[in-house]
C-alpha atoms as a PDB file:
ATOM      1  CA  MET A   1     -26.935 143.369 -56.619  1.00  0.00           C
ATOM      2  CA  GLU A   2     -28.000 141.112 -59.691  1.00  0.00           C
ATOM      3  CA  THR A   3     -26.019 138.124 -60.522  1.00  0.00           C
ATOM      4  CA  LYS A   4     -25.885 137.010 -63.911  1.00  0.00           C
ATOM      5  CA  GLU A   5     -26.155 133.508 -64.622  1.00  0.00           C
ATOM      6  CA  LYS A   6     -24.246 132.011 -67.544  1.00  0.00           C
ATOM      7  CA  LYS A   7     -26.283 130.164 -69.880  1.00  0.00           C
ATOM      8  CA  GLN A   8     -24.506 126.815 -70.265  1.00  0.00           C
ATOM      9  CA  THR A   9     -25.180 125.059 -73.610  1.00  0.00           C
ATOM     10  CA  THR A  10     -24.505 121.498 -73.805  1.00  0.00           C
ATOM     11  CA  THR A  11     -24.910 119.257 -76.788  1.00  0.00           C
ATOM     12  CA  LYS A  12     -25.388 115.741 -76.584  1.00  0.00           C
ATOM     13  CA  ALA A  13     -22.908 113.435 -78.310  1.00  0.00           C
ATOM     14  CA  THR A  14     -23.971 111.866 -81.376  1.00  0.00           C
ATOM     15  CA  PRO A  15     -23.152 107.834 -80.928  1.00  0.00           C
ATOM     16  CA  LYS A  16     -21.349 106.036 -83.714  1.00  0.00           C
ATOM     17  CA  LYS A  17     -23.181 103.794 -85.947  1.00  0.00           C
ATOM     18  CA  ASP A  18     -21.946 100.804 -84.112  1.00  0.00           C
ATOM     19  CA  ALA A  19     -22.480 102.248 -80.609  1.00  0.00           C
ATOM     20  CA  ALA A  20     -23.513  99.814 -77.705  1.00  0.00           C
ATOM     21  CA  GLU A  21     -27.139  99.637 -77.403  1.00  0.00           C
ATOM     22  CA  GLY A  22     -27.094  97.783 -74.096  1.00  0.00           C
ATOM     23  CA  LEU A  23     -25.333  96.650 -71.073  1.00  0.00           C
ATOM     24  CA  ARG A  24     -23.910  93.461 -72.934  1.00  0.00           C
ATOM     25  CA  ASP A  25     -22.975  95.493 -75.940  1.00  0.00           C
ATOM     26  CA  LEU A  26     -21.066  97.722 -73.678  1.00  0.00           C
ATOM     27  CA  PHE A  27     -19.531  94.850 -71.926  1.00  0.00           C
ATOM     28  CA  ILE A  28     -18.207  93.328 -74.933  1.00  0.00           C
ATOM     29  CA  ASP A  29     -17.008  96.659 -76.445  1.00  0.00           C
ATOM     30  CA  SER A  30     -15.122  97.173 -72.877  1.00  0.00           C
ATOM     31  CA  LEU A  31     -13.709  93.552 -73.307  1.00  0.00           C
ATOM     32  CA  LYS A  32     -12.331  94.519 -76.805  1.00  0.00           C
ATOM     33  CA  ASP A  33     -10.706  97.660 -75.128  1.00  0.00           C
ATOM     34  CA  ILE A  34      -8.807  95.813 -72.376  1.00  0.00           C
ATOM     35  CA  TYR A  35      -7.840  92.991 -74.730  1.00  0.00           C
ATOM     36  CA  TRP A  36      -6.122  95.519 -76.931  1.00  0.00           C
ATOM     37  CA  ALA A  37      -4.605  97.208 -73.832  1.00  0.00           C
ATOM     38  CA  GLU A  38      -3.168  93.876 -72.452  1.00  0.00           C
ATOM     39  CA  LYS A  39      -1.521  93.280 -75.712  1.00  0.00           C
ATOM     40  CA  ALA A  40      -0.077  96.574 -75.935  1.00  0.00           C
ATOM     41  CA  LEU A  41       1.172  96.091 -72.345  1.00  0.00           C
ATOM     42  CA  SER A  42       2.892  92.952 -73.182  1.00  0.00           C
ATOM     43  CA  LYS A  43       4.938  94.994 -75.705  1.00  0.00           C
ATOM     44  CA  ALA A  44       5.653  97.768 -73.353  1.00  0.00           C
ATOM     45  CA  LEU A  45       6.599  95.937 -70.338  1.00  0.00           C
ATOM     46  CA  PRO A  46       9.953  94.588 -71.667  1.00  0.00           C
ATOM     47  CA  LYS A  47      10.988  98.126 -72.404  1.00  0.00           C
ATOM     48  CA  MET A  48      10.431  99.238 -68.937  1.00  0.00           C
ATOM     49  CA  SER A  49      12.206  96.037 -67.625  1.00  0.00           C
ATOM     50  CA  LYS A  50      15.079  96.930 -69.908  1.00  0.00           C
ATOM     51  CA  ASN A  51      15.225 100.603 -68.614  1.00  0.00           C
ATOM     52  CA  ALA A  52      14.984  99.729 -64.897  1.00  0.00           C
ATOM     53  CA  THR A  53      18.218  99.325 -62.850  1.00  0.00           C
ATOM     54  CA  SER A  54      16.808  98.111 -59.496  1.00  0.00           C
ATOM     55  CA  LYS A  55      16.843  94.262 -59.406  1.00  0.00           C
ATOM     56  CA  THR A  56      13.500  94.402 -57.297  1.00  0.00           C
ATOM     57  CA  LEU A  57      11.687  96.530 -60.059  1.00  0.00           C
ATOM     58  CA  ILE A  58      13.170  94.314 -62.969  1.00  0.00           C
ATOM     59  CA  LYS A  59      11.628  91.095 -61.316  1.00  0.00           C
ATOM     60  CA  THR A  60       8.255  92.805 -60.471  1.00  0.00           C
ATOM     61  CA  ILE A  61       8.034  93.914 -64.089  1.00  0.00           C
ATOM     62  CA  ASP A  62       9.169  90.573 -65.380  1.00  0.00           C
ATOM     63  CA  SER A  63       6.684  88.710 -63.259  1.00  0.00           C
ATOM     64  CA  HIS A  64       3.949  91.094 -64.321  1.00  0.00           C
ATOM     65  CA  LEU A  65       4.760  90.534 -67.969  1.00  0.00           C
ATOM     66  CA  GLU A  66       4.265  86.865 -67.708  1.00  0.00           C
ATOM     67  CA  GLU A  67       0.971  87.418 -65.752  1.00  0.00           C
ATOM     68  CA  THR A  68      -0.148  89.713 -68.651  1.00  0.00           C
ATOM     69  CA  HIS A  69       0.391  86.899 -71.100  1.00  0.00           C
ATOM     70  CA  HIS A  70      -1.919  84.704 -68.920  1.00  0.00           C
ATOM     71  CA  GLN A  71      -4.285  87.490 -68.502  1.00  0.00           C
ATOM     72  CA  ILE A  72      -4.581  87.765 -72.569  1.00  0.00           C
ATOM     73  CA  GLU A  73      -5.353  84.147 -72.696  1.00  0.00           C
ATOM     74  CA  ARG A  74      -7.933  84.478 -69.896  1.00  0.00           C
ATOM     75  CA  LEU A  75      -9.649  87.339 -71.959  1.00  0.00           C
ATOM     76  CA  GLU A  76      -9.863  84.898 -74.840  1.00  0.00           C
ATOM     77  CA  LYS A  77     -11.421  82.597 -72.471  1.00  0.00           C
ATOM     78  CA  VAL A  78     -13.918  85.259 -71.385  1.00  0.00           C
ATOM     79  CA  PHE A  79     -14.857  85.999 -74.945  1.00  0.00           C
ATOM     80  CA  GLU A  80     -15.413  82.270 -75.418  1.00  0.00           C
ATOM     81  CA  SER A  81     -17.433  81.991 -72.401  1.00  0.00           C
ATOM     82  CA  ILE A  82     -19.922  84.651 -73.619  1.00  0.00           C
ATOM     83  CA  GLY A  83     -20.194  83.384 -77.305  1.00  0.00           C
ATOM     84  CA  GLU A  84     -17.954  85.810 -78.675  1.00  0.00           C
ATOM     85  CA  LYS A  85     -14.761  86.000 -80.850  1.00  0.00           C
ATOM     86  CA  ALA A  86     -11.761  87.521 -79.140  1.00  0.00           C
ATOM     87  CA  SER A  87     -11.139  90.954 -80.780  1.00  0.00           C
ATOM     88  CA  ALA A  88      -9.465  93.923 -80.034  1.00  0.00           C
ATOM     89  CA  LYS A  89     -10.143  97.716 -80.239  1.00  0.00           C
ATOM     90  CA  LYS A  90      -7.617 100.221 -79.602  1.00  0.00           C
ATOM     91  CA  CYS A  91      -7.571 101.385 -75.981  1.00  0.00           C
ATOM     92  CA  GLU A  92      -6.766 105.086 -75.908  1.00  0.00           C
ATOM     93  CA  ALA A  93      -6.398 105.299 -72.468  1.00  0.00           C
ATOM     94  CA  MET A  94      -3.869 102.472 -72.124  1.00  0.00           C
ATOM     95  CA  ASP A  95      -2.077 103.925 -75.272  1.00  0.00           C
ATOM     96  CA  GLY A  96      -1.575 107.398 -73.442  1.00  0.00           C
ATOM     97  CA  LEU A  97      -0.481 105.683 -70.250  1.00  0.00           C
ATOM     98  CA  ILE A  98       2.137 103.773 -72.269  1.00  0.00           C
ATOM     99  CA  LYS A  99       3.273 106.776 -74.128  1.00  0.00           C
ATOM    100  CA  GLU A 100       3.603 108.757 -70.856  1.00  0.00           C
ATOM    101  CA  GLY A 101       5.599 105.873 -69.460  1.00  0.00           C
ATOM    102  CA  GLU A 102       8.063 106.280 -72.502  1.00  0.00           C
ATOM    103  CA  GLU A 103       8.385 109.907 -71.932  1.00  0.00           C
ATOM    104  CA  ILE A 104       9.047 109.367 -68.013  1.00  0.00           C
ATOM    105  CA  VAL A 105      12.047 107.005 -69.455  1.00  0.00           C
ATOM    106  CA  LYS A 106      13.290 109.655 -71.919  1.00  0.00           C
ATOM    107  CA  GLU A 107      13.101 112.377 -69.396  1.00  0.00           C
ATOM    108  CA  THR A 108      14.984 110.738 -66.398  1.00  0.00           C
ATOM    109  CA  GLU A 109      18.546 109.723 -65.915  1.00  0.00           C
ATOM    110  CA  ILE A 110      19.298 106.147 -65.742  1.00  0.00           C
ATOM    111  CA  GLY A 111      19.166 105.028 -62.030  1.00  0.00           C
ATOM    112  CA  ALA A 112      16.830 105.315 -59.132  1.00  0.00           C
ATOM    113  CA  VAL A 113      15.055 108.350 -60.374  1.00  0.00           C
ATOM    114  CA  ARG A 114      14.140 106.540 -63.340  1.00  0.00           C
ATOM    115  CA  ASP A 115      13.161 103.593 -61.438  1.00  0.00           C
ATOM    116  CA  ALA A 116      10.816 105.748 -59.339  1.00  0.00           C
ATOM    117  CA  GLY A 117       9.315 107.183 -62.455  1.00  0.00           C
ATOM    118  CA  ILE A 118       8.945 103.717 -64.180  1.00  0.00           C
ATOM    119  CA  ILE A 119       6.988 102.797 -60.801  1.00  0.00           C
ATOM    120  CA  ALA A 120       4.754 105.931 -61.113  1.00  0.00           C
ATOM    121  CA  ALA A 121       3.874 105.250 -64.630  1.00  0.00           C
ATOM    122  CA  SER A 122       3.298 101.462 -63.931  1.00  0.00           C
ATOM    123  CA  GLN A 123       1.161 102.214 -60.989  1.00  0.00           C
ATOM    124  CA  LYS A 124      -1.220 104.401 -63.362  1.00  0.00           C
ATOM    125  CA  ILE A 125      -1.462 101.481 -65.751  1.00  0.00           C
ATOM    126  CA  GLU A 126      -2.457  99.236 -62.797  1.00  0.00           C
ATOM    127  CA  HIS A 127      -5.012 101.490 -61.266  1.00  0.00           C
ATOM    128  CA  TYR A 128      -6.530 101.721 -64.832  1.00  0.00           C
ATOM    129  CA  GLU A 129      -6.681  98.110 -65.118  1.00  0.00           C
ATOM    130  CA  ILE A 130      -7.983  97.624 -61.501  1.00  0.00           C
ATOM    131  CA  ALA A 131     -10.798 100.049 -62.412  1.00  0.00           C
ATOM    132  CA  THR A 132     -11.605  98.187 -65.670  1.00  0.00           C
ATOM    133  CA  TYR A 133     -11.458  94.722 -64.448  1.00  0.00           C
ATOM    134  CA  GLY A 134     -13.750  95.938 -61.636  1.00  0.00           C
ATOM    135  CA  THR A 135     -16.125  97.230 -63.893  1.00  0.00           C
ATOM    136  CA  LEU A 136     -16.027  94.223 -66.277  1.00  0.00           C
ATOM    137  CA  ALA A 137     -16.593  91.847 -63.182  1.00  0.00           C
ATOM    138  CA  SER A 138     -19.780  94.004 -62.125  1.00  0.00           C
ATOM    139  CA  PHE A 139     -21.007  94.026 -65.753  1.00  0.00           C
ATOM    140  CA  ALA A 140     -20.526  90.112 -65.805  1.00  0.00           C
ATOM    141  CA  LYS A 141     -22.171  89.592 -62.514  1.00  0.00           C
ATOM    142  CA  THR A 142     -25.230  91.767 -63.772  1.00  0.00           C
ATOM    143  CA  LEU A 143     -25.345  89.778 -66.929  1.00  0.00           C
ATOM    144  CA  LYS A 144     -25.142  86.511 -65.071  1.00  0.00           C
ATOM    145  CA  GLU A 145     -22.047  85.518 -66.900  1.00  0.00           C
ATOM    146  CA  GLU A 146     -20.699  83.548 -64.114  1.00  0.00           C
ATOM    147  CA  LYS A 147     -17.693  81.972 -65.900  1.00  0.00           C
ATOM    148  CA  ALA A 148     -16.693  85.387 -67.144  1.00  0.00           C
ATOM    149  CA  LEU A 149     -17.116  86.934 -63.840  1.00  0.00           C
ATOM    150  CA  LYS A 150     -14.704  84.288 -62.055  1.00  0.00           C
ATOM    151  CA  LEU A 151     -12.034  84.980 -64.851  1.00  0.00           C
ATOM    152  CA  LEU A 152     -12.501  88.621 -64.257  1.00  0.00           C
ATOM    153  CA  LEU A 153     -12.008  88.409 -60.703  1.00  0.00           C
ATOM    154  CA  GLU A 154      -8.790  86.274 -60.976  1.00  0.00           C
ATOM    155  CA  THR A 155      -7.260  89.136 -63.068  1.00  0.00           C
ATOM    156  CA  LEU A 156      -8.536  91.593 -60.814  1.00  0.00           C
ATOM    157  CA  LYS A 157      -6.752  90.118 -58.052  1.00  0.00           C
ATOM    158  CA  GLU A 158      -3.552  89.717 -60.110  1.00  0.00           C
ATOM    159  CA  GLU A 159      -3.641  93.310 -60.733  1.00  0.00           C
ATOM    160  CA  LYS A 160      -4.214  94.576 -57.248  1.00  0.00           C
ATOM    161  CA  ASP A 161      -1.275  92.368 -56.314  1.00  0.00           C
ATOM    162  CA  ALA A 162       1.029  93.815 -58.918  1.00  0.00           C
ATOM    163  CA  ASP A 163      -0.103  97.250 -57.618  1.00  0.00           C
ATOM    164  CA  TYR A 164       0.862  96.239 -54.247  1.00  0.00           C
ATOM    165  CA  ALA A 165       4.193  94.724 -55.372  1.00  0.00           C
ATOM    166  CA  LEU A 166       4.996  98.210 -57.161  1.00  0.00           C
ATOM    167  CA  THR A 167       4.219 100.187 -53.958  1.00  0.00           C
ATOM    168  CA  ASP A 168       6.360  97.752 -51.752  1.00  0.00           C
ATOM    169  CA  ALA A 169       9.308  98.098 -54.094  1.00  0.00           C
ATOM    170  CA  ALA A 170       8.885 101.990 -54.284  1.00  0.00           C
ATOM    171  CA  TYR A 171       8.587 102.447 -50.363  1.00  0.00           C
ATOM    172  CA  ASN A 172      11.150  99.929 -49.391  1.00  0.00           C
ATOM    173  CA  SER A 173      13.810 101.175 -51.517  1.00  0.00           C
ATOM    174  CA  ILE A 174      13.700 102.872 -54.747  1.00  0.00           C
ATOM    175  CA  ASN A 175      11.922 106.146 -53.618  1.00  0.00           C
ATOM    176  CA  PHE A 176      14.848 106.542 -50.908  1.00  0.00           C
ATOM    177  CA  ASP A 177      17.414 105.563 -53.191  1.00  0.00           C
ATOM    178  CA  ALA A 178      16.058 108.319 -55.572  1.00  0.00           C
ATOM    179  CA  LYS A 179      16.058 110.900 -52.933  1.00  0.00           C
ATOM    180  CA  GLU A 180      19.841 109.839 -51.833  1.00  0.00           C
ATOM    181  CA  GLU A 181      20.851 110.258 -55.328  1.00  0.00           C
ATOM    182  CA  GLU A 182      19.309 113.687 -55.456  1.00  0.00           C
ATOM    183  CA  GLU A 183      21.052 114.761 -52.340  1.00  0.00           C
ATOM    184  CA  GLU A 184      24.493 113.534 -53.404  1.00  0.00           C
ATOM    185  CA  GLU A 185      24.049 115.492 -56.593  1.00  0.00           C
ATOM    186  CA  GLU A 186      23.206 118.715 -54.619  1.00  0.00           C
ATOM    187  CA  GLU A 187      26.354 118.091 -52.442  1.00  0.00           C
ATOM    188  CA  GLU A 188      28.491 117.696 -55.398  1.00  0.00           C
ATOM    189  CA  GLU A 189      26.971 120.883 -56.877  1.00  0.00           C
ATOM    190  CA  GLU A 190      27.726 122.607 -53.732  1.00  0.00           C
ATOM    191  CA  GLU A 191      31.465 121.388 -53.468  1.00  0.00           C
ATOM    192  CA  GLU A 192      31.943 122.405 -57.189  1.00  0.00           C
ATOM    193  CA  GLU A 193      30.630 126.151 -56.229  1.00  0.00           C
ATOM    194  CA  GLU A 194      33.053 126.464 -53.462  1.00  0.00           C
END
């Protein structure tokens, strides 16, 4: 019994003309990416807060919005510390995550279920930011950019704390409230059928 091996063809991607040539270039390019992401997030968070109903969630989002403004300023200091002008490059990942969050808001009823959806979308964003800041800190350490490293680690800690606060809000009330809302709706539907 002969097995046929499928011949896999792979093509190498052709880099852009301005592609990163070394780790420092990749570091700077990644900084531009997260700088755009944080600015976009600073516009998206108020919309999420406005659509939330849980006081705990609203407080968590509003607190993170304030932190996000500080993180933008901190990124500007990172650029300065490495002798670069702060500039943004569209972050496709963050753009997609924000759009997903907007869709969740549109596709859910006002209340605990929407709040649970907002938390889910927010945590995806936090996890992206945690991964990005962790990578940037690693690059800064390797490049011996000590001031940048310190600033990036400060933001990384804030992102981890924000993720924890969202988890806490979800587990301690919102997810249970959403489940309760669903059960109440099911009971009402059963009563209507009788």
